[in-house]
Amino acid sequence: MNTIKKISTGVLQVTVLFFISIAMNKISQLLHLPIPGSILGIIVIFTLLKTNLIKLAWIEQGANWLLAELLLFFIPSAVGVMKYIPMLESDGVRILIVVVSSTLIVMISSGLIAVRIAKRKERWI
């Protein structure tokens, strides 16, 4: 019985997150915002969590499941790349340079931001 409750709770939480995502996509389209609906959804969830309008426990199990299965969401895009083999053959090196350099930039900037946040937390304690 407990397993059924955990599964149904997880499904309900994923459903709530899904509908928030759909709603934010619609709002982004209706208002012609340059920000994707998925980013708006993240901002809304973050704001609701920080203001304690929703509790982390209300979405935590569903969010953890989505994070655990995140790799599965990249399979369709990875398979879709196969349609562009001729482009990869002609511009593959340039694409690889862009992918590697942008990955490095994101990793370095994320690391620097994490260090700054950690230093600020140390000063507060």
PDB file of N, CA and C in Angstrom:
ATOM      1  N   MET A   1       0.828  -1.200   0.000  1.00  0.00           N
ATOM      2  CA  MET A   1       0.000   0.000   0.000  1.00  0.00           C
ATOM      3  C   MET A   1       0.860   1.246   0.000  1.00  0.00           C
ATOM      4  N   ASN A   2       1.952   1.223   0.758  1.00  0.00           N
ATOM      5  CA  ASN A   2       2.837   2.375   0.840  1.00  0.00           C
ATOM      6  C   ASN A   2       3.491   2.666  -0.508  1.00  0.00           C
ATOM      7  N   THR A   3       3.830   1.615  -1.262  1.00  0.00           N
ATOM      8  CA  THR A   3       4.444   1.792  -2.578  1.00  0.00           C
ATOM      9  C   THR A   3       3.469   2.460  -3.539  1.00  0.00           C
ATOM     10  N   ILE A   4       2.222   2.056  -3.488  1.00  0.00           N
ATOM     11  CA  ILE A   4       1.204   2.661  -4.353  1.00  0.00           C
ATOM     12  C   ILE A   4       1.049   4.134  -4.020  1.00  0.00           C
ATOM     13  N   LYS A   5       1.091   4.464  -2.750  1.00  0.00           N
ATOM     14  CA  LYS A   5       0.968   5.863  -2.335  1.00  0.00           C
ATOM     15  C   LYS A   5       2.156   6.680  -2.834  1.00  0.00           C
ATOM     16  N   LYS A   6       3.372   6.110  -2.750  1.00  0.00           N
ATOM     17  CA  LYS A   6       4.563   6.818  -3.218  1.00  0.00           C
ATOM     18  C   LYS A   6       4.504   7.050  -4.723  1.00  0.00           C
ATOM     19  N   ILE A   7       4.076   6.023  -5.452  1.00  0.00           N
ATOM     20  CA  ILE A   7       3.991   6.145  -6.909  1.00  0.00           C
ATOM     21  C   ILE A   7       2.944   7.175  -7.302  1.00  0.00           C
ATOM     22  N   SER A   8       1.780   7.118  -6.666  1.00  0.00           N
ATOM     23  CA  SER A   8       0.719   8.072  -7.007  1.00  0.00           C
ATOM     24  C   SER A   8       1.115   9.494  -6.624  1.00  0.00           C
ATOM     25  N   THR A   9       1.833   9.648  -5.510  1.00  0.00           N
ATOM     26  CA  THR A   9       2.313  10.978  -5.116  1.00  0.00           C
ATOM     27  C   THR A   9       3.298  11.514  -6.152  1.00  0.00           C
ATOM     28  N   GLY A  10       4.217  10.653  -6.593  1.00  0.00           N
ATOM     29  CA  GLY A  10       5.189  11.059  -7.606  1.00  0.00           C
ATOM     30  C   GLY A  10       4.524  11.438  -8.912  1.00  0.00           C
ATOM     31  N   VAL A  11       3.556  10.635  -9.334  1.00  0.00           N
ATOM     32  CA  VAL A  11       2.833  10.928 -10.579  1.00  0.00           C
ATOM     33  C   VAL A  11       2.080  12.253 -10.460  1.00  0.00           C
ATOM     34  N   LEU A  12       1.445  12.489  -9.329  1.00  0.00           N
ATOM     35  CA  LEU A  12       0.723  13.740  -9.113  1.00  0.00           C
ATOM     36  C   LEU A  12       1.677  14.937  -9.153  1.00  0.00           C
ATOM     37  N   GLN A  13       2.833  14.799  -8.521  1.00  0.00           N
ATOM     38  CA  GLN A  13       3.799  15.894  -8.507  1.00  0.00           C
ATOM     39  C   GLN A  13       4.350  16.176  -9.907  1.00  0.00           C
ATOM     40  N   VAL A  14       4.639  15.132 -10.669  1.00  0.00           N
ATOM     41  CA  VAL A  14       5.106  15.324 -12.049  1.00  0.00           C
ATOM     42  C   VAL A  14       4.010  15.985 -12.877  1.00  0.00           C
ATOM     43  N   THR A  15       2.758  15.594 -12.645  1.00  0.00           N
ATOM     44  CA  THR A  15       1.630  16.202 -13.355  1.00  0.00           C
ATOM     45  C   THR A  15       1.528  17.687 -13.050  1.00  0.00           C
ATOM     46  N   VAL A  16       1.686  18.056 -11.792  1.00  0.00           N
ATOM     47  CA  VAL A  16       1.651  19.480 -11.411  1.00  0.00           C
ATOM     48  C   VAL A  16       2.775  20.234 -12.109  1.00  0.00           C
ATOM     49  N   LEU A  17       3.975  19.684 -12.086  1.00  0.00           N
ATOM     50  CA  LEU A  17       5.105  20.332 -12.756  1.00  0.00           C
ATOM     51  C   LEU A  17       4.864  20.441 -14.260  1.00  0.00           C
ATOM     52  N   PHE A  18       4.260  19.413 -14.845  1.00  0.00           N
ATOM     53  CA  PHE A  18       3.947  19.422 -16.267  1.00  0.00           C
ATOM     54  C   PHE A  18       2.957  20.539 -16.605  1.00  0.00           C
ATOM     55  N   PHE A  19       1.908  20.663 -15.797  1.00  0.00           N
ATOM     56  CA  PHE A  19       0.913  21.705 -16.078  1.00  0.00           C
ATOM     57  C   PHE A  19       1.471  23.109 -15.853  1.00  0.00           C
ATOM     58  N   ILE A  20       2.362  23.262 -14.907  1.00  0.00           N
ATOM     59  CA  ILE A  20       3.027  24.564 -14.735  1.00  0.00           C
ATOM     60  C   ILE A  20       3.849  24.880 -15.976  1.00  0.00           C
ATOM     61  N   SER A  21       4.538  23.879 -16.504  1.00  0.00           N
ATOM     62  CA  SER A  21       5.326  24.069 -17.720  1.00  0.00           C
ATOM     63  C   SER A  21       4.436  24.447 -18.903  1.00  0.00           C
ATOM     64  N   ILE A  22       3.344  23.749 -19.068  1.00  0.00           N
ATOM     65  CA  ILE A  22       2.408  24.050 -20.164  1.00  0.00           C
ATOM     66  C   ILE A  22       1.848  25.465 -20.011  1.00  0.00           C
ATOM     67  N   ALA A  23       1.452  25.824 -18.794  1.00  0.00           N
ATOM     68  CA  ALA A  23       0.889  27.154 -18.554  1.00  0.00           C
ATOM     69  C   ALA A  23       1.907  28.247 -18.871  1.00  0.00           C
ATOM     70  N   MET A  24       3.150  28.044 -18.472  1.00  0.00           N
ATOM     71  CA  MET A  24       4.184  29.056 -18.726  1.00  0.00           C
ATOM     72  C   MET A  24       4.498  29.152 -20.216  1.00  0.00           C
ATOM     73  N   ASN A  25       4.443  28.025 -20.935  1.00  0.00           N
ATOM     74  CA  ASN A  25       4.632  28.073 -22.392  1.00  0.00           C
ATOM     75  C   ASN A  25       3.521  28.890 -23.046  1.00  0.00           C
ATOM     76  N   LYS A  26       2.288  28.675 -22.600  1.00  0.00           N
ATOM     77  CA  LYS A  26       1.156  29.428 -23.161  1.00  0.00           C
ATOM     78  C   LYS A  26       1.275  30.919 -22.846  1.00  0.00           C
ATOM     79  N   ILE A  27       1.650  31.246 -21.620  1.00  0.00           N
ATOM     80  CA  ILE A  27       1.812  32.648 -21.229  1.00  0.00           C
ATOM     81  C   ILE A  27       2.911  33.298 -22.055  1.00  0.00           C
ATOM     82  N   SER A  28       4.006  32.586 -22.258  1.00  0.00           N
ATOM     83  CA  SER A  28       5.115  33.113 -23.048  1.00  0.00           C
ATOM     84  C   SER A  28       4.673  33.381 -24.487  1.00  0.00           C
ATOM     85  N   GLN A  29       3.866  32.468 -25.044  1.00  0.00           N
ATOM     86  CA  GLN A  29       3.361  32.654 -26.405  1.00  0.00           C
ATOM     87  C   GLN A  29       2.366  33.805 -26.480  1.00  0.00           C
ATOM     88  N   LEU A  30       1.434  33.860 -25.533  1.00  0.00           N
ATOM     89  CA  LEU A  30       0.392  34.895 -25.569  1.00  0.00           C
ATOM     90  C   LEU A  30       0.965  36.298 -25.393  1.00  0.00           C
ATOM     91  N   LEU A  31       1.970  36.431 -24.545  1.00  0.00           N
ATOM     92  CA  LEU A  31       2.563  37.738 -24.280  1.00  0.00           C
ATOM     93  C   LEU A  31       3.736  38.061 -25.203  1.00  0.00           C
ATOM     94  N   HIS A  32       4.050  37.128 -26.107  1.00  0.00           N
ATOM     95  CA  HIS A  32       5.165  37.286 -27.051  1.00  0.00           C
ATOM     96  C   HIS A  32       6.466  37.638 -26.328  1.00  0.00           C
ATOM     97  N   LEU A  33       6.725  36.901 -25.259  1.00  0.00           N
ATOM     98  CA  LEU A  33       7.933  37.136 -24.474  1.00  0.00           C
ATOM     99  C   LEU A  33       9.134  36.479 -25.145  1.00  0.00           C
ATOM    100  N   PRO A  34      10.304  37.111 -25.036  1.00  0.00           N
ATOM    101  CA  PRO A  34      11.499  36.499 -25.624  1.00  0.00           C
ATOM    102  C   PRO A  34      12.084  35.387 -24.752  1.00  0.00           C
ATOM    103  N   ILE A  35      11.450  35.101 -23.623  1.00  0.00           N
ATOM    104  CA  ILE A  35      11.918  34.074 -22.700  1.00  0.00           C
ATOM    105  C   ILE A  35      11.083  32.819 -22.923  1.00  0.00           C
ATOM    106  N   PRO A  36      11.723  31.660 -23.071  1.00  0.00           N
ATOM    107  CA  PRO A  36      10.953  30.421 -23.245  1.00  0.00           C
ATOM    108  C   PRO A  36      10.087  30.114 -22.026  1.00  0.00           C
ATOM    109  N   GLY A  37       8.984  29.454 -22.258  1.00  0.00           N
ATOM    110  CA  GLY A  37       8.071  29.099 -21.174  1.00  0.00           C
ATOM    111  C   GLY A  37       8.711  28.213 -20.130  1.00  0.00           C
ATOM    112  N   SER A  38       9.641  27.358 -20.541  1.00  0.00           N
ATOM    113  CA  SER A  38      10.298  26.483 -19.570  1.00  0.00           C
ATOM    114  C   SER A  38      11.119  27.288 -18.564  1.00  0.00           C
ATOM    115  N   ILE A  39      11.760  28.348 -19.033  1.00  0.00           N
ATOM    116  CA  ILE A  39      12.531  29.212 -18.131  1.00  0.00           C
ATOM    117  C   ILE A  39      11.585  29.973 -17.210  1.00  0.00           C
ATOM    118  N   LEU A  40      10.474  30.437 -17.751  1.00  0.00           N
ATOM    119  CA  LEU A  40       9.472  31.100 -16.908  1.00  0.00           C
ATOM    120  C   LEU A  40       8.957  30.145 -15.831  1.00  0.00           C
ATOM    121  N   GLY A  41       8.753  28.891 -16.208  1.00  0.00           N
ATOM    122  CA  GLY A  41       8.295  27.892 -15.244  1.00  0.00           C
ATOM    123  C   GLY A  41       9.297  27.695 -14.115  1.00  0.00           C
ATOM    124  N   ILE A  42      10.578  27.639 -14.467  1.00  0.00           N
ATOM    125  CA  ILE A  42      11.615  27.509 -13.445  1.00  0.00           C
ATOM    126  C   ILE A  42      11.593  28.712 -12.512  1.00  0.00           C
ATOM    127  N   ILE A  43      11.440  29.904 -13.076  1.00  0.00           N
ATOM    128  CA  ILE A  43      11.401  31.126 -12.261  1.00  0.00           C
ATOM    129  C   ILE A  43      10.190  31.110 -11.339  1.00  0.00           C
ATOM    130  N   VAL A  44       9.050  30.698 -11.860  1.00  0.00           N
ATOM    131  CA  VAL A  44       7.825  30.647 -11.055  1.00  0.00           C
ATOM    132  C   VAL A  44       7.964  29.639  -9.915  1.00  0.00           C
ATOM    133  N   ILE A  45       8.448  28.433 -10.236  1.00  0.00           N
ATOM    134  CA  ILE A  45       8.633  27.407  -9.187  1.00  0.00           C
ATOM    135  C   ILE A  45       9.617  27.904  -8.138  1.00  0.00           C
ATOM    136  N   PHE A  46      10.727  28.488  -8.576  1.00  0.00           N
ATOM    137  CA  PHE A  46      11.729  29.004  -7.633  1.00  0.00           C
ATOM    138  C   PHE A  46      11.122  30.076  -6.730  1.00  0.00           C
ATOM    139  N   THR A  47      10.368  31.003  -7.333  1.00  0.00           N
ATOM    140  CA  THR A  47       9.737  32.070  -6.560  1.00  0.00           C
ATOM    141  C   THR A  47       8.732  31.511  -5.563  1.00  0.00           C
ATOM    142  N   LEU A  48       7.927  30.559  -5.994  1.00  0.00           N
ATOM    143  CA  LEU A  48       6.944  29.954  -5.092  1.00  0.00           C
ATOM    144  C   LEU A  48       7.623  29.213  -3.939  1.00  0.00           C
ATOM    145  N   LEU A  49       8.745  28.561  -4.225  1.00  0.00           N
ATOM    146  CA  LEU A  49       9.477  27.865  -3.169  1.00  0.00           C
ATOM    147  C   LEU A  49      10.128  28.854  -2.196  1.00  0.00           C
ATOM    148  N   LYS A  50      10.727  29.925  -2.726  1.00  0.00           N
ATOM    149  CA  LYS A  50      11.404  30.889  -1.866  1.00  0.00           C
ATOM    150  C   LYS A  50      10.428  31.674  -0.988  1.00  0.00           C
ATOM    151  N   THR A  51       9.224  31.899  -1.483  1.00  0.00           N
ATOM    152  CA  THR A  51       8.217  32.632  -0.710  1.00  0.00           C
ATOM    153  C   THR A  51       7.371  31.705   0.166  1.00  0.00           C
ATOM    154  N   ASN A  52       7.690  30.426   0.140  1.00  0.00           N
ATOM    155  CA  ASN A  52       6.977  29.415   0.924  1.00  0.00           C
ATOM    156  C   ASN A  52       5.495  29.297   0.573  1.00  0.00           C
ATOM    157  N   LEU A  53       5.137  29.695  -0.658  1.00  0.00           N
ATOM    158  CA  LEU A  53       3.761  29.475  -1.099  1.00  0.00           C
ATOM    159  C   LEU A  53       3.536  28.005  -1.421  1.00  0.00           C
ATOM    160  N   ILE A  54       4.600  27.329  -1.835  1.00  0.00           N
ATOM    161  CA  ILE A  54       4.548  25.879  -1.944  1.00  0.00           C
ATOM    162  C   ILE A  54       5.731  25.321  -1.157  1.00  0.00           C
ATOM    163  N   LYS A  55       5.551  24.162  -0.623  1.00  0.00           N
ATOM    164  CA  LYS A  55       6.603  23.506   0.152  1.00  0.00           C
ATOM    165  C   LYS A  55       7.393  22.578  -0.768  1.00  0.00           C
ATOM    166  N   LEU A  56       8.664  22.431  -0.474  1.00  0.00           N
ATOM    167  CA  LEU A  56       9.516  21.559  -1.273  1.00  0.00           C
ATOM    168  C   LEU A  56       8.973  20.133  -1.292  1.00  0.00           C
ATOM    169  N   ALA A  57       8.436  19.673  -0.187  1.00  0.00           N
ATOM    170  CA  ALA A  57       7.906  18.308  -0.098  1.00  0.00           C
ATOM    171  C   ALA A  57       6.753  18.079  -1.083  1.00  0.00           C
ATOM    172  N   TRP A  58       6.078  19.162  -1.490  1.00  0.00           N
ATOM    173  CA  TRP A  58       4.948  19.027  -2.399  1.00  0.00           C
ATOM    174  C   TRP A  58       5.379  18.638  -3.811  1.00  0.00           C
ATOM    175  N   ILE A  59       6.636  18.931  -4.181  1.00  0.00           N
ATOM    176  CA  ILE A  59       7.103  18.622  -5.535  1.00  0.00           C
ATOM    177  C   ILE A  59       8.408  17.829  -5.552  1.00  0.00           C
ATOM    178  N   GLU A  60       8.981  17.576  -4.391  1.00  0.00           N
ATOM    179  CA  GLU A  60      10.321  16.997  -4.325  1.00  0.00           C
ATOM    180  C   GLU A  60      10.415  15.610  -4.945  1.00  0.00           C
ATOM    181  N   GLN A  61       9.513  14.728  -4.626  1.00  0.00           N
ATOM    182  CA  GLN A  61       9.583  13.355  -5.140  1.00  0.00           C
ATOM    183  C   GLN A  61       9.467  13.332  -6.665  1.00  0.00           C
ATOM    184  N   GLY A  62       8.522  14.084  -7.203  1.00  0.00           N
ATOM    185  CA  GLY A  62       8.356  14.147  -8.658  1.00  0.00           C
ATOM    186  C   GLY A  62       9.552  14.782  -9.340  1.00  0.00           C
ATOM    187  N   ALA A  63      10.076  15.855  -8.750  1.00  0.00           N
ATOM    188  CA  ALA A  63      11.243  16.522  -9.325  1.00  0.00           C
ATOM    189  C   ALA A  63      12.468  15.618  -9.285  1.00  0.00           C
ATOM    190  N   ASN A  64      12.638  14.877  -8.191  1.00  0.00           N
ATOM    191  CA  ASN A  64      13.770  13.951  -8.102  1.00  0.00           C
ATOM    192  C   ASN A  64      13.666  12.845  -9.142  1.00  0.00           C
ATOM    193  N   TRP A  65      12.458  12.366  -9.388  1.00  0.00           N
ATOM    194  CA  TRP A  65      12.282  11.340 -10.414  1.00  0.00           C
ATOM    195  C   TRP A  65      12.637  11.902 -11.788  1.00  0.00           C
ATOM    196  N   LEU A  66      12.172  13.119 -12.087  1.00  0.00           N
ATOM    197  CA  LEU A  66      12.501  13.735 -13.378  1.00  0.00           C
ATOM    198  C   LEU A  66      13.999  13.933 -13.531  1.00  0.00           C
ATOM    199  N   LEU A  67      14.661  14.355 -12.467  1.00  0.00           N
ATOM    200  CA  LEU A  67      16.116  14.516 -12.523  1.00  0.00           C
ATOM    201  C   LEU A  67      16.825  13.175 -12.713  1.00  0.00           C
ATOM    202  N   ALA A  68      16.328  12.140 -12.066  1.00  0.00           N
ATOM    203  CA  ALA A  68      16.944  10.819 -12.192  1.00  0.00           C
ATOM    204  C   ALA A  68      16.821  10.283 -13.614  1.00  0.00           C
ATOM    205  N   GLU A  69      15.757  10.632 -14.304  1.00  0.00           N
ATOM    206  CA  GLU A  69      15.519  10.140 -15.663  1.00  0.00           C
ATOM    207  C   GLU A  69      15.875  11.176 -16.719  1.00  0.00           C
ATOM    208  N   LEU A  70      16.629  12.189 -16.354  1.00  0.00           N
ATOM    209  CA  LEU A  70      16.943  13.302 -17.254  1.00  0.00           C
ATOM    210  C   LEU A  70      17.626  12.838 -18.536  1.00  0.00           C
ATOM    211  N   LEU A  71      18.491  11.862 -18.443  1.00  0.00           N
ATOM    212  CA  LEU A  71      19.211  11.386 -19.617  1.00  0.00           C
ATOM    213  C   LEU A  71      18.257  10.892 -20.702  1.00  0.00           C
ATOM    214  N   LEU A  72      17.139  10.289 -20.294  1.00  0.00           N
ATOM    215  CA  LEU A  72      16.170   9.791 -21.276  1.00  0.00           C
ATOM    216  C   LEU A  72      15.582  10.907 -22.127  1.00  0.00           C
ATOM    217  N   PHE A  73      15.516  12.132 -21.583  1.00  0.00           N
ATOM    218  CA  PHE A  73      14.930  13.239 -22.327  1.00  0.00           C
ATOM    219  C   PHE A  73      15.845  13.727 -23.445  1.00  0.00           C
ATOM    220  N   PHE A  74      17.125  13.341 -23.424  1.00  0.00           N
ATOM    221  CA  PHE A  74      18.056  13.763 -24.460  1.00  0.00           C
ATOM    222  C   PHE A  74      18.154  12.763 -25.609  1.00  0.00           C
ATOM    223  N   ILE A  75      17.582  11.591 -25.467  1.00  0.00           N
ATOM    224  CA  ILE A  75      17.667  10.576 -26.513  1.00  0.00           C
ATOM    225  C   ILE A  75      17.018  11.053 -27.816  1.00  0.00           C
ATOM    226  N   PRO A  76      15.813  11.641 -27.812  1.00  0.00           N
ATOM    227  CA  PRO A  76      15.234  12.085 -29.086  1.00  0.00           C
ATOM    228  C   PRO A  76      16.105  13.116 -29.813  1.00  0.00           C
ATOM    229  N   SER A  77      16.697  14.045 -29.077  1.00  0.00           N
ATOM    230  CA  SER A  77      17.540  15.035 -29.746  1.00  0.00           C
ATOM    231  C   SER A  77      18.824  14.402 -30.261  1.00  0.00           C
ATOM    232  N   ALA A  78      19.369  13.440 -29.537  1.00  0.00           N
ATOM    233  CA  ALA A  78      20.578  12.761 -30.005  1.00  0.00           C
ATOM    234  C   ALA A  78      20.294  11.959 -31.275  1.00  0.00           C
ATOM    235  N   VAL A  79      19.145  11.311 -31.336  1.00  0.00           N
ATOM    236  CA  VAL A  79      18.770  10.570 -32.530  1.00  0.00           C
ATOM    237  C   VAL A  79      18.480  11.535 -33.680  1.00  0.00           C
ATOM    238  N   GLY A  80      17.902  12.683 -33.364  1.00  0.00           N
ATOM    239  CA  GLY A  80      17.605  13.687 -34.385  1.00  0.00           C
ATOM    240  C   GLY A  80      18.841  14.229 -35.067  1.00  0.00           C
ATOM    241  N   VAL A  81      19.966  14.214 -34.379  1.00  0.00           N
ATOM    242  CA  VAL A  81      21.224  14.692 -34.965  1.00  0.00           C
ATOM    243  C   VAL A  81      21.602  13.842 -36.177  1.00  0.00           C
ATOM    244  N   MET A  82      21.186  12.595 -36.195  1.00  0.00           N
ATOM    245  CA  MET A  82      21.535  11.700 -37.293  1.00  0.00           C
ATOM    246  C   MET A  82      20.993  12.194 -38.634  1.00  0.00           C
ATOM    247  N   LYS A  83      19.966  13.030 -38.608  1.00  0.00           N
ATOM    248  CA  LYS A  83      19.438  13.587 -39.853  1.00  0.00           C
ATOM    249  C   LYS A  83      20.409  14.578 -40.487  1.00  0.00           C
ATOM    250  N   TYR A  84      21.374  15.073 -39.706  1.00  0.00           N
ATOM    251  CA  TYR A  84      22.256  16.130 -40.178  1.00  0.00           C
ATOM    252  C   TYR A  84      23.683  15.644 -40.407  1.00  0.00           C
ATOM    253  N   ILE A  85      23.841  14.384 -40.774  1.00  0.00           N
ATOM    254  CA  ILE A  85      25.174  13.822 -41.023  1.00  0.00           C
ATOM    255  C   ILE A  85      25.922  14.606 -42.114  1.00  0.00           C
ATOM    256  N   PRO A  86      25.276  14.963 -43.235  1.00  0.00           N
ATOM    257  CA  PRO A  86      26.020  15.734 -44.249  1.00  0.00           C
ATOM    258  C   PRO A  86      26.548  17.073 -43.706  1.00  0.00           C
ATOM    259  N   MET A  87      25.745  17.741 -42.881  1.00  0.00           N
ATOM    260  CA  MET A  87      26.200  19.008 -42.301  1.00  0.00           C
ATOM    261  C   MET A  87      27.355  18.765 -41.335  1.00  0.00           C
ATOM    262  N   LEU A  88      27.283  17.676 -40.572  1.00  0.00           N
ATOM    263  CA  LEU A  88      28.364  17.357 -39.647  1.00  0.00           C
ATOM    264  C   LEU A  88      29.655  17.034 -40.389  1.00  0.00           C
ATOM    265  N   GLU A  89      29.533  16.394 -41.554  1.00  0.00           N
ATOM    266  CA  GLU A  89      30.718  16.077 -42.340  1.00  0.00           C
ATOM    267  C   GLU A  89      31.395  17.335 -42.862  1.00  0.00           C
ATOM    268  N   SER A  90      30.598  18.336 -43.260  1.00  0.00           N
ATOM    269  CA  SER A  90      31.192  19.548 -43.826  1.00  0.00           C
ATOM    270  C   SER A  90      31.592  20.570 -42.755  1.00  0.00           C
ATOM    271  N   ASP A  91      30.803  20.714 -41.697  1.00  0.00           N
ATOM    272  CA  ASP A  91      31.071  21.731 -40.676  1.00  0.00           C
ATOM    273  C   ASP A  91      31.325  21.135 -39.302  1.00  0.00           C
ATOM    274  N   GLY A  92      31.641  19.860 -39.242  1.00  0.00           N
ATOM    275  CA  GLY A  92      31.780  19.165 -37.965  1.00  0.00           C
ATOM    276  C   GLY A  92      32.825  19.757 -37.046  1.00  0.00           C
ATOM    277  N   VAL A  93      33.968  20.164 -37.603  1.00  0.00           N
ATOM    278  CA  VAL A  93      35.043  20.713 -36.767  1.00  0.00           C
ATOM    279  C   VAL A  93      34.597  22.030 -36.131  1.00  0.00           C
ATOM    280  N   ARG A  94      33.973  22.893 -36.932  1.00  0.00           N
ATOM    281  CA  ARG A  94      33.500  24.179 -36.377  1.00  0.00           C
ATOM    282  C   ARG A  94      32.433  23.958 -35.311  1.00  0.00           C
ATOM    283  N   ILE A  95      31.534  23.027 -35.555  1.00  0.00           N
ATOM    284  CA  ILE A  95      30.489  22.721 -34.568  1.00  0.00           C
ATOM    285  C   ILE A  95      31.122  22.180 -33.292  1.00  0.00           C
ATOM    286  N   LEU A  96      32.087  21.302 -33.441  1.00  0.00           N
ATOM    287  CA  LEU A  96      32.779  20.742 -32.275  1.00  0.00           C
ATOM    288  C   LEU A  96      33.488  21.829 -31.474  1.00  0.00           C
ATOM    289  N   ILE A  97      34.122  22.767 -32.163  1.00  0.00           N
ATOM    290  CA  ILE A  97      34.799  23.874 -31.474  1.00  0.00           C
ATOM    291  C   ILE A  97      33.793  24.714 -30.687  1.00  0.00           C
ATOM    292  N   VAL A  98      32.653  25.002 -31.299  1.00  0.00           N
ATOM    293  CA  VAL A  98      31.619  25.789 -30.613  1.00  0.00           C
ATOM    294  C   VAL A  98      31.079  25.039 -29.401  1.00  0.00           C
ATOM    295  N   VAL A  99      30.805  23.752 -29.552  1.00  0.00           N
ATOM    296  CA  VAL A  99      30.259  22.954 -28.450  1.00  0.00           C
ATOM    297  C   VAL A  99      31.259  22.871 -27.300  1.00  0.00           C
ATOM    298  N   VAL A 100      32.513  22.575 -27.619  1.00  0.00           N
ATOM    299  CA  VAL A 100      33.526  22.439 -26.574  1.00  0.00           C
ATOM    300  C   VAL A 100      33.779  23.778 -25.883  1.00  0.00           C
ATOM    301  N   SER A 101      33.923  24.851 -26.663  1.00  0.00           N
ATOM    302  CA  SER A 101      34.201  26.156 -26.037  1.00  0.00           C
ATOM    303  C   SER A 101      33.017  26.636 -25.206  1.00  0.00           C
ATOM    304  N   SER A 102      31.800  26.459 -25.686  1.00  0.00           N
ATOM    305  CA  SER A 102      30.646  26.898 -24.893  1.00  0.00           C
ATOM    306  C   SER A 102      30.500  26.055 -23.629  1.00  0.00           C
ATOM    307  N   THR A 103      30.806  24.763 -23.718  1.00  0.00           N
ATOM    308  CA  THR A 103      30.771  23.910 -22.526  1.00  0.00           C
ATOM    309  C   THR A 103      31.798  24.375 -21.510  1.00  0.00           C
ATOM    310  N   LEU A 104      33.001  24.674 -21.963  1.00  0.00           N
ATOM    311  CA  LEU A 104      34.044  25.171 -21.060  1.00  0.00           C
ATOM    312  C   LEU A 104      33.647  26.497 -20.413  1.00  0.00           C
ATOM    313  N   ILE A 105      33.061  27.386 -21.198  1.00  0.00           N
ATOM    314  CA  ILE A 105      32.629  28.682 -20.657  1.00  0.00           C
ATOM    315  C   ILE A 105      31.583  28.479 -19.570  1.00  0.00           C
ATOM    316  N   VAL A 106      30.616  27.615 -19.820  1.00  0.00           N
ATOM    317  CA  VAL A 106      29.571  27.347 -18.824  1.00  0.00           C
ATOM    318  C   VAL A 106      30.164  26.711 -17.576  1.00  0.00           C
ATOM    319  N   MET A 107      31.069  25.754 -17.749  1.00  0.00           N
ATOM    320  CA  MET A 107      31.679  25.080 -16.595  1.00  0.00           C
ATOM    321  C   MET A 107      32.500  26.063 -15.758  1.00  0.00           C
ATOM    322  N   ILE A 108      33.309  26.893 -16.416  1.00  0.00           N
ATOM    323  CA  ILE A 108      34.152  27.843 -15.691  1.00  0.00           C
ATOM    324  C   ILE A 108      33.309  28.892 -14.982  1.00  0.00           C
ATOM    325  N   SER A 109      32.319  29.453 -15.688  1.00  0.00           N
ATOM    326  CA  SER A 109      31.485  30.477 -15.048  1.00  0.00           C
ATOM    327  C   SER A 109      30.664  29.882 -13.899  1.00  0.00           C
ATOM    328  N   SER A 110      30.163  28.657 -14.069  1.00  0.00           N
ATOM    329  CA  SER A 110      29.421  28.014 -12.973  1.00  0.00           C
ATOM    330  C   SER A 110      30.320  27.787 -11.769  1.00  0.00           C
ATOM    331  N   GLY A 111      31.547  27.349 -12.017  1.00  0.00           N
ATOM    332  CA  GLY A 111      32.493  27.143 -10.923  1.00  0.00           C
ATOM    333  C   GLY A 111      32.825  28.432 -10.195  1.00  0.00           C
ATOM    334  N   LEU A 112      33.046  29.509 -10.957  1.00  0.00           N
ATOM    335  CA  LEU A 112      33.358  30.803 -10.338  1.00  0.00           C
ATOM    336  C   LEU A 112      32.178  31.329  -9.517  1.00  0.00           C
ATOM    337  N   ILE A 113      30.985  31.158 -10.036  1.00  0.00           N
ATOM    338  CA  ILE A 113      29.794  31.596  -9.295  1.00  0.00           C
ATOM    339  C   ILE A 113      29.634  30.767  -8.029  1.00  0.00           C
ATOM    340  N   ALA A 114      29.860  29.463  -8.118  1.00  0.00           N
ATOM    341  CA  ALA A 114      29.747  28.595  -6.936  1.00  0.00           C
ATOM    342  C   ALA A 114      30.763  28.996  -5.871  1.00  0.00           C
ATOM    343  N   VAL A 115      31.983  29.340  -6.289  1.00  0.00           N
ATOM    344  CA  VAL A 115      33.010  29.780  -5.332  1.00  0.00           C
ATOM    345  C   VAL A 115      32.578  31.070  -4.652  1.00  0.00           C
ATOM    346  N   ARG A 116      32.049  32.009  -5.425  1.00  0.00           N
ATOM    347  CA  ARG A 116      31.583  33.276  -4.841  1.00  0.00           C
ATOM    348  C   ARG A 116      30.464  33.045  -3.834  1.00  0.00           C
ATOM    349  N   ILE A 117      29.526  32.197  -4.192  1.00  0.00           N
ATOM    350  CA  ILE A 117      28.407  31.904  -3.281  1.00  0.00           C
ATOM    351  C   ILE A 117      28.926  31.251  -2.010  1.00  0.00           C
ATOM    352  N   ALA A 118      29.859  30.324  -2.161  1.00  0.00           N
ATOM    353  CA  ALA A 118      30.421  29.651  -0.989  1.00  0.00           C
ATOM    354  C   ALA A 118      31.147  30.643  -0.069  1.00  0.00           C
ATOM    355  N   LYS A 119      31.876  31.580  -0.660  1.00  0.00           N
ATOM    356  CA  LYS A 119      32.582  32.587   0.142  1.00  0.00           C
ATOM    357  C   LYS A 119      31.586  33.488   0.879  1.00  0.00           C
ATOM    358  N   ARG A 120      30.500  33.862   0.205  1.00  0.00           N
ATOM    359  CA  ARG A 120      29.483  34.688   0.871  1.00  0.00           C
ATOM    360  C   ARG A 120      28.840  33.939   2.031  1.00  0.00           C
ATOM    361  N   LYS A 121      28.568  32.657   1.824  1.00  0.00           N
ATOM    362  CA  LYS A 121      27.976  31.857   2.896  1.00  0.00           C
ATOM    363  C   LYS A 121      28.922  31.760   4.077  1.00  0.00           C
ATOM    364  N   GLU A 122      30.223  31.626   3.820  1.00  0.00           N
ATOM    365  CA  GLU A 122      31.198  31.555   4.908  1.00  0.00           C
ATOM    366  C   GLU A 122      31.217  32.844   5.728  1.00  0.00           C
ATOM    367  N   ARG A 123      31.069  33.981   5.051  1.00  0.00           N
ATOM    368  CA  ARG A 123      31.051  35.272   5.773  1.00  0.00           C
ATOM    369  C   ARG A 123      29.819  35.424   6.633  1.00  0.00           C
ATOM    370  N   TRP A 124      28.682  34.821   6.192  1.00  0.00           N
ATOM    371  CA  TRP A 124      27.448  34.946   6.957  1.00  0.00           C
ATOM    372  C   TRP A 124      27.474  34.078   8.203  1.00  0.00           C
ATOM    373  N   ILE A 125      28.237  33.028   8.161  1.00  0.00           N
ATOM    374  CA  ILE A 125      28.249  32.082   9.288  1.00  0.00           C
ATOM    375  C   ILE A 125      29.186  32.530  10.357  1.00  0.00           C
TER     376      ILE A 125
END
